[in-house]
Protein backbone atom coordinates (compact mmCIF):
# COMPACT_ATOMS: atom_id res chain seq x y z
CA UNK A 1 14.63 -1.04 -15.18
CA UNK A 2 18.18 1.03 -15.55
CA UNK A 3 16.68 4.57 -14.77
CA UNK A 4 15.04 3.40 -11.73
CA UNK A 5 19.03 1.88 -10.20
CA UNK A 6 20.48 4.91 -11.73
CA UNK A 7 18.12 6.84 -9.15
CA UNK A 8 18.38 4.85 -6.15
CA UNK A 9 22.03 5.04 -6.42
CA UNK A 10 21.48 8.78 -6.98
CA UNK A 11 19.27 8.82 -3.55
CA UNK A 12 21.86 6.67 -1.81
CA UNK A 13 24.60 9.44 -2.92
CA UNK A 14 22.59 12.21 -1.37
CA UNK A 15 22.04 10.85 1.21
CA UNK A 16 25.86 9.98 2.40
CA UNK A 17 26.67 13.23 1.46
CA UNK A 18 23.86 14.97 3.83
CA UNK A 19 24.98 12.42 6.35
CA UNK A 20 28.19 13.52 6.12
CA UNK A 21 27.71 17.46 6.06
CA UNK A 22 25.12 17.04 9.07
CA UNK A 23 27.97 15.00 11.22
CA UNK A 24 30.10 17.26 10.81
CA UNK A 25 28.32 20.05 12.25
CA UNK A 26 26.67 18.71 14.72
CA UNK A 27 30.21 17.65 16.33
CA UNK A 28 31.28 21.24 15.42
CA UNK A 29 28.07 22.29 17.50
CA UNK A 30 28.41 19.93 20.12
CA UNK A 31 32.21 20.01 20.82
CA UNK A 32 32.85 23.50 20.40
CA UNK A 33 29.79 25.40 20.93
CA UNK A 34 28.26 23.16 23.54
CA UNK A 35 31.22 21.82 25.09
CA UNK A 36 30.31 18.18 25.67
CA UNK A 37 32.63 15.75 26.45
CA UNK A 38 34.39 14.59 22.89
CA UNK A 39 32.67 10.45 23.26
CA UNK A 40 29.50 12.27 23.76
CA UNK A 41 29.64 14.59 21.14
CA UNK A 42 30.88 11.83 18.78
CA UNK A 43 28.40 9.53 19.42
CA UNK A 44 25.32 12.36 19.06
CA UNK A 45 26.62 13.70 15.90
CA UNK A 46 26.94 10.36 14.31
CA UNK A 47 23.73 9.13 15.09
CA UNK A 48 22.21 12.73 13.46
CA UNK A 49 24.37 12.24 10.68
CA UNK A 50 22.87 8.74 9.95
CA UNK A 51 19.11 9.61 10.71
CA UNK A 52 19.24 12.47 8.43
CA UNK A 53 21.31 10.39 5.92
CA UNK A 54 18.89 8.01 5.91
CA UNK A 55 16.09 10.42 5.51
CA UNK A 56 17.35 12.37 2.53
CA UNK A 57 18.09 8.83 0.65
CA UNK A 58 14.67 7.70 1.18
CA UNK A 59 13.52 11.03 0.67
CA UNK A 60 14.76 11.12 -2.46
CA UNK A 61 13.94 7.63 -3.81
CA UNK A 62 10.59 8.32 -2.96
CA UNK A 63 10.15 11.15 -5.10
CA UNK A 64 11.81 9.86 -8.33
CA UNK A 65 9.99 6.38 -8.09
CA UNK A 66 6.43 6.36 -9.74
CA UNK A 67 4.13 3.16 -9.36
CA UNK A 68 3.00 1.53 -12.44
CA UNK A 69 -0.29 1.93 -13.46
CA UNK A 70 -0.19 0.92 -17.06
CA UNK A 71 -1.20 -2.73 -16.03
CA UNK A 72 -4.88 -2.99 -15.72
CA UNK A 73 -6.03 -4.47 -12.19
CA UNK A 74 -7.33 -7.91 -11.96
CA UNK A 75 -9.22 -9.08 -9.19
CA UNK A 76 -7.48 -12.81 -7.41
CA UNK A 77 -9.16 -15.22 -8.77
CA UNK A 78 -11.13 -17.79 -6.97
CA UNK A 79 -12.39 -14.98 -4.85
CA UNK A 80 -16.24 -14.09 -6.36
CA UNK A 81 -17.45 -17.15 -7.49
CA UNK A 82 -20.24 -18.77 -5.47
CA UNK A 83 -19.69 -21.94 -3.17
CA UNK A 84 -22.25 -24.92 -4.36
CA UNK A 85 -23.91 -26.90 -2.11
CA UNK A 86 -24.03 -30.79 -2.32
């Protein structure tokens, strides 16, 4: 279980790092290259940075976690029993 917690922490770190980089790149692109107003550039770049960070964190966490296939699948109890008529 400690291994899963470490991979989740790593995925969050990757997401935060990528989010900052995308935010800065989009801010420069919107404000300096496209010459949008500063407030609009901040909002759009923040939205892009947060979204890309969340996607990167989700992608990293889903790649590292594997389902537990060692446990046998047991059917729920009581669903296959025939009902007795009175």
